[in-house]
Each structure stands twice: as C-alpha cells, then as structure tokens.
Amino acid sequence: MRKLPPLNAVRAFEAAARHESFTAAANELCVTVTAISHQVRQLEAILGHRLFERSGRAVVLTAEGHALFPMLRDGFDRMASAFAAIRPPADGDAITVSTTRAFAERWLMPRLARFNAAFPSVVVHIDATEEVRTPGTDGVDLAIRYGRADRAGETSVLFSDRYIAVAASTICPPGARLAIDDVRSRSLLAFRWKNAALDSPAWSAWLAKADHDPGRDFRISWYSEEPLALHAAERGLGPLLCSDALVDEQLRQGTLRRLDGPALAGFAYRLVDAPGAARRKSVTAFIDWLRGEAAAFRAAPRQVMTRAA
C-alpha cells in the first residue's frame, strides 16, 4: 500500500512551484490563496521540511522543494497523458496543435486542406500563440516549436529555415536581378521576437555578408510581431529579412521577390509530442501527414542563393 500525502496538498504544491506564485496556483485550481497556503503548510508538516521560502508575495523553492517539484510535475504530466489517451474528445475526433501565429498562418494553414481531405472525420484546432504549450498538459496534443535543433527530448526536426531578404513585387523594378539599392527609398522592415533566447534576423548581418556597409544610412522600421512585419512587406512598405519557409508561397506566386544577396542560417521547426503518451489514431495520422509535408518542403526547390552565406 502506497503511503502518500493528501492529493490536494500535492496538487497545491505542484501548481505553486510551477507558477512560482500562490495566487496563480489558486486561480488554476479554483481555490483561495489561503487554501493553497494551508495545503502547502500541511505537506511541509508531513514531510518535515520547508518547501518554499516566503518573501512578501514572492515564493521561492527551497532545496527540498527543488528536489521534489520535477518528479511531481512529471507524474502529473504522465497522469494527464494517460487520461487524455482514453477519454473521448469533447467534440468528437479532434486534435489541438500549438504553434506560433506566423507559422500557423504562413506554412501550416495553406497545407491543412490536404489533411482535411485525407481525414475528413478529424477536426484540427490551431492554438496560435507565442507561449510555450506543453503537449498532454496544456490542452494541446502536439506543438510545433521554433528554435535550435539540438534540444533534448524533442520528437523530431521537421526542417530548418534560412533568412532571406524579400520585397513586394509592386515596389520592385522589372528584371531578373533585384538589389537592395533598387528599393533604397523604402525603410528596411524588422521585427523582434518575444522569445529572448533567439536572436531575430539582423539586417546588419545580412548587409555585411552582401558586401554592403552595415553603417550606411539605412532606415529601419520595427514591428512588435513577425506577422505584422510580413504583412507590411506584402503591402510594399519595404524589404524584410525573414524566414524563407514563411514566404515560400508568396515567392512562388510572385507577390514577393527575393533580393539579390545571401541567405543566413536560421533555426529549426520541431515537432513536440506528449512524452510517453499512447497516441490516438487521429494524432498519429496528423504526425505522419505533417512529416510528409515537411519532407516535401525540404525536397522542393527553394530560392537559389546568389551569394555565398
């Protein structure tokens, strides 16, 4: 027979440790902050150790709390995955995929009709957010994340991208080659990612590799979100340095044109699955389809570099 502390006390500690806040834990569990505090104190009394150091409203895990938290978090994750694997979806055979707004809008959605045609009974929900959702625990089945390809524990790398300079065809002079000086009268468009761990594409690096003086008087117009900058480029507000994966369709259609210059190394799009979860058939079908689409994208001809990166 297992000797376990009260489940409510364990849940209260896990939520408070995950959020680093009693208030956020109370909101998640639909109880009062006083109840969270009481349940944490109850668990501390049972274990004989303080689990949090309290400083005003802030709470910080003690050494014992740090040792306990990851094991409890992983345990709740596995329980959530086990229940999700056998619980019928609330709206039938549905799956939820979390990814960034830019990737959902620019790469996934243009291809999604093919999945719908192949699997008409499966409903796909797209959770477009810059927040990191954890499959199996945050109401999502799969996540497509963007970042470095060497992250441990990820399911698979779909493909890597490159940063190229593009401009709307409406502001480009006719001709097979297009130099940045051809659109010199426009501001260079740029954006900043909310993920501080990744460096947004930098015009200074592109200009240096293109043998331009990065110190030249180029005006830069900043956007707080990548999709806004992409829309601005399409409307002819200026050239944009962006992922080739996100403008592939527009380049093929001719609404955007590639500027003569280098392609800078980007990052990887990675498929993240719930760890150790028994997959539903609909999830497996989407994963297989997504990998097939990614393989086709990798194999398709992409815009040829005109200078070495």
C-alpha atoms as a PDB file:
ATOM      1  CA  MET A   1       0.000   0.000   0.000  1.00  0.00           C
ATOM      2  CA  ARG A   2       1.380   3.400  -1.001  1.00  0.00           C
ATOM      3  CA  LYS A   3       1.838   5.968   1.759  1.00  0.00           C
ATOM      4  CA  LEU A   4       1.015   9.233   0.019  1.00  0.00           C
ATOM      5  CA  PRO A   5       0.242  12.714   1.330  1.00  0.00           C
ATOM      6  CA  PRO A   6      -3.224  14.145   0.588  1.00  0.00           C
ATOM      7  CA  LEU A   7      -3.609  14.685  -3.158  1.00  0.00           C
ATOM      8  CA  ASN A   8      -4.968  18.222  -2.724  1.00  0.00           C
ATOM      9  CA  ALA A   9      -1.825  19.210  -0.842  1.00  0.00           C
ATOM     10  CA  VAL A  10       0.388  17.682  -3.528  1.00  0.00           C
ATOM     11  CA  ARG A  11      -1.568  19.449  -6.307  1.00  0.00           C
ATOM     12  CA  ALA A  12      -1.325  22.757  -4.465  1.00  0.00           C
ATOM     13  CA  PHE A  13       2.449  22.455  -4.095  1.00  0.00           C
ATOM     14  CA  GLU A  14       2.979  21.398  -7.733  1.00  0.00           C
ATOM     15  CA  ALA A  15       0.895  24.271  -9.087  1.00  0.00           C
ATOM     16  CA  ALA A  16       2.533  26.835  -6.793  1.00  0.00           C
ATOM     17  CA  ALA A  17       6.011  25.591  -7.723  1.00  0.00           C
ATOM     18  CA  ARG A  18       5.212  25.608 -11.454  1.00  0.00           C
ATOM     19  CA  HIS A  19       3.828  29.145 -11.374  1.00  0.00           C
ATOM     20  CA  GLU A  20       6.184  30.368  -8.623  1.00  0.00           C
ATOM     21  CA  SER A  21       3.082  32.003  -7.195  1.00  0.00           C
ATOM     22  CA  PHE A  22       0.400  31.036  -4.687  1.00  0.00           C
ATOM     23  CA  THR A  23      -2.029  33.411  -6.404  1.00  0.00           C
ATOM     24  CA  ALA A  24      -1.577  31.813  -9.842  1.00  0.00           C
ATOM     25  CA  ALA A  25      -1.882  28.351  -8.302  1.00  0.00           C
ATOM     26  CA  ALA A  26      -5.116  29.375  -6.587  1.00  0.00           C
ATOM     27  CA  ASN A  27      -6.517  30.676  -9.876  1.00  0.00           C
ATOM     28  CA  GLU A  28      -5.624  27.445 -11.678  1.00  0.00           C
ATOM     29  CA  LEU A  29      -7.166  25.195  -9.027  1.00  0.00           C
ATOM     30  CA  CYS A  30     -10.178  27.476  -8.401  1.00  0.00           C
ATOM     31  CA  VAL A  31      -9.481  27.869  -4.684  1.00  0.00           C
ATOM     32  CA  THR A  32      -8.386  30.745  -2.475  1.00  0.00           C
ATOM     33  CA  VAL A  33      -4.794  31.770  -1.858  1.00  0.00           C
ATOM     34  CA  THR A  34      -5.373  30.928   1.804  1.00  0.00           C
ATOM     35  CA  ALA A  35      -6.328  27.381   0.810  1.00  0.00           C
ATOM     36  CA  ILE A  36      -3.136  26.981  -1.225  1.00  0.00           C
ATOM     37  CA  SER A  37      -1.044  28.261   1.668  1.00  0.00           C
ATOM     38  CA  HIS A  38      -2.796  25.899   4.101  1.00  0.00           C
ATOM     39  CA  GLN A  39      -2.314  22.874   1.823  1.00  0.00           C
ATOM     40  CA  VAL A  40       1.370  23.655   1.279  1.00  0.00           C
ATOM     41  CA  ARG A  41       1.907  24.006   5.046  1.00  0.00           C
ATOM     42  CA  GLN A  42       0.127  20.662   5.518  1.00  0.00           C
ATOM     43  CA  LEU A  43       2.512  18.996   3.053  1.00  0.00           C
ATOM     44  CA  GLU A  44       5.519  20.633   4.706  1.00  0.00           C
ATOM     45  CA  ALA A  45       4.377  19.321   8.085  1.00  0.00           C
ATOM     46  CA  ILE A  46       4.011  15.789   6.719  1.00  0.00           C
ATOM     47  CA  LEU A  47       7.447  15.852   5.064  1.00  0.00           C
ATOM     48  CA  GLY A  48       9.195  17.675   7.883  1.00  0.00           C
ATOM     49  CA  HIS A  49      10.781  20.199   5.504  1.00  0.00           C
ATOM     50  CA  ARG A  50      10.009  23.686   4.300  1.00  0.00           C
ATOM     51  CA  LEU A  51       9.307  23.615   0.566  1.00  0.00           C
ATOM     52  CA  PHE A  52       9.107  27.371  -0.052  1.00  0.00           C
ATOM     53  CA  GLU A  53      10.875  30.428   1.256  1.00  0.00           C
ATOM     54  CA  ARG A  54       8.358  33.246   1.504  1.00  0.00           C
ATOM     55  CA  SER A  55       9.311  36.876   0.961  1.00  0.00           C
ATOM     56  CA  GLY A  56       6.238  39.072   0.874  1.00  0.00           C
ATOM     57  CA  ARG A  57       4.143  37.873  -2.049  1.00  0.00           C
ATOM     58  CA  ALA A  58       7.045  36.073  -3.710  1.00  0.00           C
ATOM     59  CA  VAL A  59       7.722  32.388  -3.108  1.00  0.00           C
ATOM     60  CA  VAL A  60      10.976  30.591  -3.900  1.00  0.00           C
ATOM     61  CA  LEU A  61      11.566  26.847  -3.732  1.00  0.00           C
ATOM     62  CA  THR A  62      13.929  25.562  -1.078  1.00  0.00           C
ATOM     63  CA  ALA A  63      16.463  22.834  -1.871  1.00  0.00           C
ATOM     64  CA  GLU A  64      13.900  20.226  -0.783  1.00  0.00           C
ATOM     65  CA  GLY A  65      11.240  21.884  -2.919  1.00  0.00           C
ATOM     66  CA  HIS A  66      13.554  21.876  -5.942  1.00  0.00           C
ATOM     67  CA  ALA A  67      14.209  18.157  -5.449  1.00  0.00           C
ATOM     68  CA  LEU A  68      10.510  17.309  -5.141  1.00  0.00           C
ATOM     69  CA  PHE A  69       8.966  19.507  -7.832  1.00  0.00           C
ATOM     70  CA  PRO A  70      10.257  17.915 -11.087  1.00  0.00           C
ATOM     71  CA  MET A  71       9.199  14.424 -10.001  1.00  0.00           C
ATOM     72  CA  LEU A  72       5.688  15.585  -9.107  1.00  0.00           C
ATOM     73  CA  ARG A  73       5.396  17.666 -12.286  1.00  0.00           C
ATOM     74  CA  ASP A  74       6.382  14.679 -14.428  1.00  0.00           C
ATOM     75  CA  GLY A  75       3.973  12.464 -12.511  1.00  0.00           C
ATOM     76  CA  PHE A  76       1.032  14.797 -13.137  1.00  0.00           C
ATOM     77  CA  ASP A  77       2.075  15.080 -16.801  1.00  0.00           C
ATOM     78  CA  ARG A  78       2.001  11.297 -17.184  1.00  0.00           C
ATOM     79  CA  MET A  79      -1.393  11.062 -15.483  1.00  0.00           C
ATOM     80  CA  ALA A  80      -2.806  13.763 -17.757  1.00  0.00           C
ATOM     81  CA  SER A  81      -1.469  11.945 -20.820  1.00  0.00           C
ATOM     82  CA  ALA A  82      -2.922   8.627 -19.661  1.00  0.00           C
ATOM     83  CA  PHE A  83      -6.379  10.129 -19.130  1.00  0.00           C
ATOM     84  CA  ALA A  84      -6.240  12.020 -22.434  1.00  0.00           C
ATOM     85  CA  ALA A  85      -5.377   8.827 -24.312  1.00  0.00           C
ATOM     86  CA  ILE A  86      -8.606   7.067 -23.294  1.00  0.00           C
ATOM     87  CA  ARG A  87     -11.005   9.976 -22.793  1.00  0.00           C
ATOM     88  CA  PRO A  88     -13.211  10.647 -25.845  1.00  0.00           C
ATOM     89  CA  PRO A  89     -12.661  14.190 -27.142  1.00  0.00           C
ATOM     90  CA  ALA A  90     -15.416  16.601 -26.160  1.00  0.00           C
ATOM     91  CA  ASP A  91     -16.183  17.468 -29.790  1.00  0.00           C
ATOM     92  CA  GLY A  92     -15.521  14.134 -31.448  1.00  0.00           C
ATOM     93  CA  ASP A  93     -12.240  13.115 -33.065  1.00  0.00           C
ATOM     94  CA  ALA A  94     -10.382  16.395 -32.584  1.00  0.00           C
ATOM     95  CA  ILE A  95      -6.750  17.322 -32.045  1.00  0.00           C
ATOM     96  CA  THR A  96      -5.197  20.595 -30.926  1.00  0.00           C
ATOM     97  CA  VAL A  97      -1.899  21.781 -32.383  1.00  0.00           C
ATOM     98  CA  SER A  98       0.017  24.652 -30.799  1.00  0.00           C
ATOM     99  CA  THR A  99       2.453  26.759 -32.801  1.00  0.00           C
ATOM    100  CA  THR A 100       3.393  30.354 -33.482  1.00  0.00           C
ATOM    101  CA  ARG A 101       0.962  32.614 -35.291  1.00  0.00           C
ATOM    102  CA  ALA A 102       3.409  33.211 -38.143  1.00  0.00           C
ATOM    103  CA  PHE A 103       3.991  29.502 -38.791  1.00  0.00           C
ATOM    104  CA  ALA A 104       0.300  28.662 -38.490  1.00  0.00           C
ATOM    105  CA  GLU A 105      -0.716  31.397 -40.908  1.00  0.00           C
ATOM    106  CA  ARG A 106       2.119  31.129 -43.416  1.00  0.00           C
ATOM    107  CA  TRP A 107       3.087  27.452 -43.579  1.00  0.00           C
ATOM    108  CA  LEU A 108       0.572  25.202 -41.843  1.00  0.00           C
ATOM    109  CA  MET A 109      -2.772  26.657 -42.923  1.00  0.00           C
ATOM    110  CA  PRO A 110      -2.002  26.688 -46.681  1.00  0.00           C
ATOM    111  CA  ARG A 111      -1.387  22.918 -46.434  1.00  0.00           C
ATOM    112  CA  LEU A 112      -4.118  21.999 -43.949  1.00  0.00           C
ATOM    113  CA  ALA A 113      -6.792  21.448 -46.609  1.00  0.00           C
ATOM    114  CA  ARG A 114      -4.860  18.384 -47.769  1.00  0.00           C
ATOM    115  CA  PHE A 115      -5.080  16.845 -44.301  1.00  0.00           C
ATOM    116  CA  ASN A 116      -8.787  17.673 -44.070  1.00  0.00           C
ATOM    117  CA  ALA A 117      -9.387  15.967 -47.410  1.00  0.00           C
ATOM    118  CA  ALA A 118      -7.478  12.848 -46.359  1.00  0.00           C
ATOM    119  CA  PHE A 119      -9.011  12.677 -42.857  1.00  0.00           C
ATOM    120  CA  PRO A 120     -12.427  14.374 -43.018  1.00  0.00           C
ATOM    121  CA  SER A 121     -13.531  12.991 -39.639  1.00  0.00           C
ATOM    122  CA  VAL A 122     -10.663  14.653 -37.755  1.00  0.00           C
ATOM    123  CA  VAL A 123     -11.160  18.227 -36.559  1.00  0.00           C
ATOM    124  CA  VAL A 124      -7.916  20.203 -36.179  1.00  0.00           C
ATOM    125  CA  HIS A 125      -7.809  23.069 -33.687  1.00  0.00           C
ATOM    126  CA  ILE A 126      -4.920  25.528 -34.112  1.00  0.00           C
ATOM    127  CA  ASP A 127      -3.650  27.224 -30.947  1.00  0.00           C
ATOM    128  CA  ALA A 128      -1.615  30.117 -32.391  1.00  0.00           C
ATOM    129  CA  THR A 129       0.433  31.623 -29.569  1.00  0.00           C
ATOM    130  CA  GLU A 130       3.943  32.757 -28.698  1.00  0.00           C
ATOM    131  CA  GLU A 131       3.613  30.971 -25.352  1.00  0.00           C
ATOM    132  CA  VAL A 132       5.159  27.521 -24.984  1.00  0.00           C
ATOM    133  CA  ARG A 133       2.384  24.956 -24.584  1.00  0.00           C
ATOM    134  CA  THR A 134       3.243  21.511 -23.226  1.00  0.00           C
ATOM    135  CA  PRO A 135       1.549  18.653 -25.102  1.00  0.00           C
ATOM    136  CA  GLY A 136      -0.512  16.472 -22.800  1.00  0.00           C
ATOM    137  CA  THR A 137      -0.817  19.086 -20.060  1.00  0.00           C
ATOM    138  CA  ASP A 138      -1.865  22.424 -21.565  1.00  0.00           C
ATOM    139  CA  GLY A 139      -4.859  21.212 -23.540  1.00  0.00           C
ATOM    140  CA  VAL A 140      -2.799  20.535 -26.674  1.00  0.00           C
ATOM    141  CA  ASP A 141      -1.891  17.255 -28.350  1.00  0.00           C
ATOM    142  CA  LEU A 142       1.086  18.453 -30.368  1.00  0.00           C
ATOM    143  CA  ALA A 143       3.302  21.506 -30.576  1.00  0.00           C
ATOM    144  CA  ILE A 144       5.407  22.822 -33.436  1.00  0.00           C
ATOM    145  CA  ARG A 145       8.212  24.883 -31.953  1.00  0.00           C
ATOM    146  CA  TYR A 146      10.901  27.038 -33.491  1.00  0.00           C
ATOM    147  CA  GLY A 147      14.443  27.173 -32.194  1.00  0.00           C
ATOM    148  CA  ARG A 148      17.732  25.333 -32.127  1.00  0.00           C
ATOM    149  CA  ALA A 149      17.674  21.803 -33.500  1.00  0.00           C
ATOM    150  CA  ASP A 150      19.731  20.212 -30.731  1.00  0.00           C
ATOM    151  CA  ARG A 151      17.129  20.382 -27.978  1.00  0.00           C
ATOM    152  CA  ALA A 152      16.948  17.160 -25.974  1.00  0.00           C
ATOM    153  CA  GLY A 153      13.669  15.290 -25.642  1.00  0.00           C
ATOM    154  CA  GLU A 154      12.028  16.659 -28.774  1.00  0.00           C
ATOM    155  CA  THR A 155      10.181  14.282 -31.078  1.00  0.00           C
ATOM    156  CA  SER A 156      11.733  15.281 -34.404  1.00  0.00           C
ATOM    157  CA  VAL A 157      13.043  18.128 -36.527  1.00  0.00           C
ATOM    158  CA  LEU A 158      10.682  18.917 -39.402  1.00  0.00           C
ATOM    159  CA  PHE A 159      13.024  21.235 -41.299  1.00  0.00           C
ATOM    160  CA  SER A 160      15.384  24.171 -40.873  1.00  0.00           C
ATOM    161  CA  ASP A 161      14.932  27.555 -42.492  1.00  0.00           C
ATOM    162  CA  ARG A 162      17.091  30.384 -43.825  1.00  0.00           C
ATOM    163  CA  TYR A 163      16.695  34.148 -43.598  1.00  0.00           C
ATOM    164  CA  ILE A 164      16.367  35.897 -46.933  1.00  0.00           C
ATOM    165  CA  ALA A 165      15.533  39.461 -47.921  1.00  0.00           C
ATOM    166  CA  VAL A 166      12.251  39.913 -49.798  1.00  0.00           C
ATOM    167  CA  ALA A 167      10.166  42.807 -51.081  1.00  0.00           C
ATOM    168  CA  ALA A 168       6.733  43.216 -52.632  1.00  0.00           C
ATOM    169  CA  SER A 169       6.776  42.871 -56.401  1.00  0.00           C
ATOM    170  CA  THR A 170       4.766  46.101 -56.613  1.00  0.00           C
ATOM    171  CA  ILE A 171       7.773  48.166 -55.479  1.00  0.00           C
ATOM    172  CA  CYS A 172      10.405  46.256 -57.447  1.00  0.00           C
ATOM    173  CA  PRO A 173      11.708  47.356 -60.843  1.00  0.00           C
ATOM    174  CA  PRO A 174      11.429  44.788 -63.645  1.00  0.00           C
ATOM    175  CA  GLY A 175      14.370  42.492 -64.199  1.00  0.00           C
ATOM    176  CA  ALA A 176      15.716  39.122 -63.198  1.00  0.00           C
ATOM    177  CA  ARG A 177      18.024  40.520 -60.501  1.00  0.00           C
ATOM    178  CA  LEU A 178      16.940  42.691 -57.627  1.00  0.00           C
ATOM    179  CA  ALA A 179      19.422  44.548 -55.419  1.00  0.00           C
ATOM    180  CA  ILE A 180      18.708  46.248 -52.134  1.00  0.00           C
ATOM    181  CA  ASP A 181      19.612  49.579 -53.729  1.00  0.00           C
ATOM    182  CA  ASP A 182      16.622  49.071 -56.041  1.00  0.00           C
ATOM    183  CA  VAL A 183      14.344  49.549 -53.028  1.00  0.00           C
ATOM    184  CA  ARG A 184      16.655  52.011 -51.242  1.00  0.00           C
ATOM    185  CA  SER A 185      13.889  54.608 -50.885  1.00  0.00           C
ATOM    186  CA  ARG A 186      11.950  52.314 -48.543  1.00  0.00           C
ATOM    187  CA  SER A 187      12.629  51.595 -44.891  1.00  0.00           C
ATOM    188  CA  LEU A 188      14.061  48.193 -44.041  1.00  0.00           C
ATOM    189  CA  LEU A 189      11.415  46.264 -42.120  1.00  0.00           C
ATOM    190  CA  ALA A 190      12.352  44.328 -38.993  1.00  0.00           C
ATOM    191  CA  PHE A 191      10.674  42.607 -36.060  1.00  0.00           C
ATOM    192  CA  ARG A 192      11.555  41.433 -32.577  1.00  0.00           C
ATOM    193  CA  TRP A 193      10.624  38.014 -31.226  1.00  0.00           C
ATOM    194  CA  LYS A 194       9.226  37.719 -27.734  1.00  0.00           C
ATOM    195  CA  ASN A 195      11.450  34.673 -27.156  1.00  0.00           C
ATOM    196  CA  ALA A 196      14.606  36.297 -25.830  1.00  0.00           C
ATOM    197  CA  ALA A 197      16.551  33.033 -26.274  1.00  0.00           C
ATOM    198  CA  LEU A 198      16.511  33.501 -30.065  1.00  0.00           C
ATOM    199  CA  ASP A 199      18.055  36.370 -31.979  1.00  0.00           C
ATOM    200  CA  SER A 200      15.713  37.910 -34.520  1.00  0.00           C
ATOM    201  CA  PRO A 201      17.168  38.151 -38.041  1.00  0.00           C
ATOM    202  CA  ALA A 202      19.510  41.140 -38.194  1.00  0.00           C
ATOM    203  CA  TRP A 203      19.856  43.402 -41.216  1.00  0.00           C
ATOM    204  CA  SER A 204      23.387  44.286 -40.101  1.00  0.00           C
ATOM    205  CA  ALA A 205      24.496  40.653 -40.589  1.00  0.00           C
ATOM    206  CA  TRP A 206      22.776  40.410 -43.974  1.00  0.00           C
ATOM    207  CA  LEU A 207      24.266  43.705 -45.211  1.00  0.00           C
ATOM    208  CA  ALA A 208      27.751  42.659 -44.121  1.00  0.00           C
ATOM    209  CA  LYS A 209      27.512  39.343 -45.991  1.00  0.00           C
ATOM    210  CA  ALA A 210      26.089  41.152 -49.013  1.00  0.00           C
ATOM    211  CA  ASP A 211      29.233  43.361 -49.068  1.00  0.00           C
ATOM    212  CA  HIS A 212      27.294  46.446 -48.057  1.00  0.00           C
ATOM    213  CA  ASP A 213      28.469  48.747 -45.304  1.00  0.00           C
ATOM    214  CA  PRO A 214      26.159  47.986 -42.326  1.00  0.00           C
ATOM    215  CA  GLY A 215      26.838  51.533 -41.164  1.00  0.00           C
ATOM    216  CA  ARG A 216      25.193  53.082 -44.212  1.00  0.00           C
ATOM    217  CA  ASP A 217      22.186  55.221 -43.549  1.00  0.00           C
ATOM    218  CA  PHE A 218      19.500  52.562 -43.898  1.00  0.00           C
ATOM    219  CA  ARG A 219      16.281  53.393 -42.087  1.00  0.00           C
ATOM    220  CA  ILE A 220      14.775  50.512 -40.119  1.00  0.00           C
ATOM    221  CA  SER A 221      11.078  50.313 -39.271  1.00  0.00           C
ATOM    222  CA  TRP A 222      10.422  47.979 -36.318  1.00  0.00           C
ATOM    223  CA  TYR A 223       7.374  45.796 -35.715  1.00  0.00           C
ATOM    224  CA  SER A 224       6.485  44.121 -32.436  1.00  0.00           C
ATOM    225  CA  GLU A 225       5.272  40.919 -34.120  1.00  0.00           C
ATOM    226  CA  GLU A 226       6.588  38.885 -37.036  1.00  0.00           C
ATOM    227  CA  PRO A 227       3.191  38.526 -38.813  1.00  0.00           C
ATOM    228  CA  LEU A 228       2.780  42.319 -38.836  1.00  0.00           C
ATOM    229  CA  ALA A 229       6.169  42.742 -40.499  1.00  0.00           C
ATOM    230  CA  LEU A 230       5.274  40.095 -43.092  1.00  0.00           C
ATOM    231  CA  HIS A 231       2.017  41.881 -43.915  1.00  0.00           C
ATOM    232  CA  ALA A 232       3.886  45.205 -44.123  1.00  0.00           C
ATOM    233  CA  ALA A 233       6.333  43.727 -46.635  1.00  0.00           C
ATOM    234  CA  GLU A 234       3.480  42.391 -48.762  1.00  0.00           C
ATOM    235  CA  ARG A 235       1.869  45.839 -48.786  1.00  0.00           C
ATOM    236  CA  GLY A 236       5.030  47.384 -50.174  1.00  0.00           C
ATOM    237  CA  LEU A 237       6.223  49.236 -47.078  1.00  0.00           C
ATOM    238  CA  GLY A 238       9.775  47.989 -47.575  1.00  0.00           C
ATOM    239  CA  PRO A 239      12.050  44.945 -47.816  1.00  0.00           C
ATOM    240  CA  LEU A 240      12.013  42.411 -44.981  1.00  0.00           C
ATOM    241  CA  LEU A 241      14.584  39.903 -43.737  1.00  0.00           C
ATOM    242  CA  CYS A 242      12.572  36.812 -42.826  1.00  0.00           C
ATOM    243  CA  SER A 243      12.324  33.018 -42.845  1.00  0.00           C
ATOM    244  CA  ASP A 244      12.148  31.536 -46.339  1.00  0.00           C
ATOM    245  CA  ALA A 245       9.632  28.990 -45.015  1.00  0.00           C
ATOM    246  CA  LEU A 246       7.169  31.751 -44.190  1.00  0.00           C
ATOM    247  CA  VAL A 247       7.248  33.377 -47.631  1.00  0.00           C
ATOM    248  CA  ASP A 248       7.597  30.279 -49.801  1.00  0.00           C
ATOM    249  CA  GLU A 249       4.056  30.516 -51.175  1.00  0.00           C
ATOM    250  CA  GLN A 250       4.324  34.265 -51.856  1.00  0.00           C
ATOM    251  CA  LEU A 251       7.637  33.822 -53.699  1.00  0.00           C
ATOM    252  CA  ARG A 252       6.163  31.095 -55.895  1.00  0.00           C
ATOM    253  CA  GLN A 253       3.097  33.224 -56.634  1.00  0.00           C
ATOM    254  CA  GLY A 254       5.252  36.248 -57.412  1.00  0.00           C
ATOM    255  CA  THR A 255       3.694  38.618 -54.878  1.00  0.00           C
ATOM    256  CA  LEU A 256       7.098  38.821 -53.158  1.00  0.00           C
ATOM    257  CA  ARG A 257      10.534  38.830 -54.772  1.00  0.00           C
ATOM    258  CA  ARG A 258      13.872  37.736 -53.377  1.00  0.00           C
ATOM    259  CA  LEU A 259      16.574  40.390 -53.148  1.00  0.00           C
ATOM    260  CA  ASP A 260      19.987  39.574 -54.547  1.00  0.00           C
ATOM    261  CA  GLY A 261      22.126  38.623 -51.558  1.00  0.00           C
ATOM    262  CA  PRO A 262      22.923  35.926 -49.008  1.00  0.00           C
ATOM    263  CA  ALA A 263      20.736  33.518 -47.108  1.00  0.00           C
ATOM    264  CA  LEU A 264      21.571  33.490 -43.403  1.00  0.00           C
ATOM    265  CA  ALA A 265      21.310  30.331 -41.321  1.00  0.00           C
ATOM    266  CA  GLY A 266      18.066  30.197 -39.352  1.00  0.00           C
ATOM    267  CA  PHE A 267      16.669  27.751 -36.827  1.00  0.00           C
ATOM    268  CA  ALA A 268      14.608  24.548 -36.901  1.00  0.00           C
ATOM    269  CA  TYR A 269      10.907  23.786 -36.710  1.00  0.00           C
ATOM    270  CA  ARG A 270      10.482  20.866 -34.331  1.00  0.00           C
ATOM    271  CA  LEU A 271       7.510  18.608 -33.671  1.00  0.00           C
ATOM    272  CA  VAL A 272       6.893  18.027 -29.963  1.00  0.00           C
ATOM    273  CA  ASP A 273       4.715  15.148 -28.772  1.00  0.00           C
ATOM    274  CA  ALA A 274       3.475  14.319 -25.281  1.00  0.00           C
ATOM    275  CA  PRO A 275       6.269  12.240 -23.693  1.00  0.00           C
ATOM    276  CA  GLY A 276       5.386   8.592 -23.193  1.00  0.00           C
ATOM    277  CA  ALA A 277       1.772   9.119 -24.231  1.00  0.00           C
ATOM    278  CA  ALA A 278      -0.308   6.495 -26.008  1.00  0.00           C
ATOM    279  CA  ARG A 279      -1.284   8.338 -29.170  1.00  0.00           C
ATOM    280  CA  ARG A 280      -4.805   8.425 -30.515  1.00  0.00           C
ATOM    281  CA  LYS A 281      -5.133   7.405 -34.151  1.00  0.00           C
ATOM    282  CA  SER A 282      -6.008  10.957 -35.152  1.00  0.00           C
ATOM    283  CA  VAL A 283      -2.816  12.297 -33.560  1.00  0.00           C
ATOM    284  CA  THR A 284      -0.712   9.625 -35.265  1.00  0.00           C
ATOM    285  CA  ALA A 285      -2.375  10.446 -38.591  1.00  0.00           C
ATOM    286  CA  PHE A 286      -1.585  14.151 -38.199  1.00  0.00           C
ATOM    287  CA  ILE A 287       2.033  13.450 -37.241  1.00  0.00           C
ATOM    288  CA  ASP A 288       2.540  11.197 -40.274  1.00  0.00           C
ATOM    289  CA  TRP A 289       0.900  13.764 -42.548  1.00  0.00           C
ATOM    290  CA  LEU A 290       2.958  16.638 -41.110  1.00  0.00           C
ATOM    291  CA  ARG A 291       6.220  14.751 -41.552  1.00  0.00           C
ATOM    292  CA  GLY A 292       5.263  14.020 -45.142  1.00  0.00           C
ATOM    293  CA  GLU A 293       4.543  17.702 -45.808  1.00  0.00           C
ATOM    294  CA  ALA A 294       7.840  18.677 -44.179  1.00  0.00           C
ATOM    295  CA  ALA A 295       9.731  16.139 -46.304  1.00  0.00           C
ATOM    296  CA  ALA A 296       8.098  17.515 -49.457  1.00  0.00           C
ATOM    297  CA  PHE A 297       9.035  21.057 -48.430  1.00  0.00           C
ATOM    298  CA  ARG A 298      12.652  20.035 -47.810  1.00  0.00           C
ATOM    299  CA  ALA A 299      12.830  18.330 -51.206  1.00  0.00           C
ATOM    300  CA  ALA A 300      11.226  21.159 -53.193  1.00  0.00           C
ATOM    301  CA  PRO A 301      13.492  23.674 -54.963  1.00  0.00           C
ATOM    302  CA  ARG A 302      13.889  26.826 -52.905  1.00  0.00           C
ATOM    303  CA  GLN A 303      15.105  30.266 -53.894  1.00  0.00           C
ATOM    304  CA  VAL A 304      18.702  29.890 -55.077  1.00  0.00           C
ATOM    305  CA  MET A 305      21.301  31.915 -53.213  1.00  0.00           C
ATOM    306  CA  THR A 306      23.012  34.489 -55.365  1.00  0.00           C
ATOM    307  CA  ARG A 307      25.899  34.958 -52.952  1.00  0.00           C
ATOM    308  CA  ALA A 308      27.514  32.565 -50.512  1.00  0.00           C
ATOM    309  CA  ALA A 309      26.182  32.833 -46.983  1.00  0.00           C
END
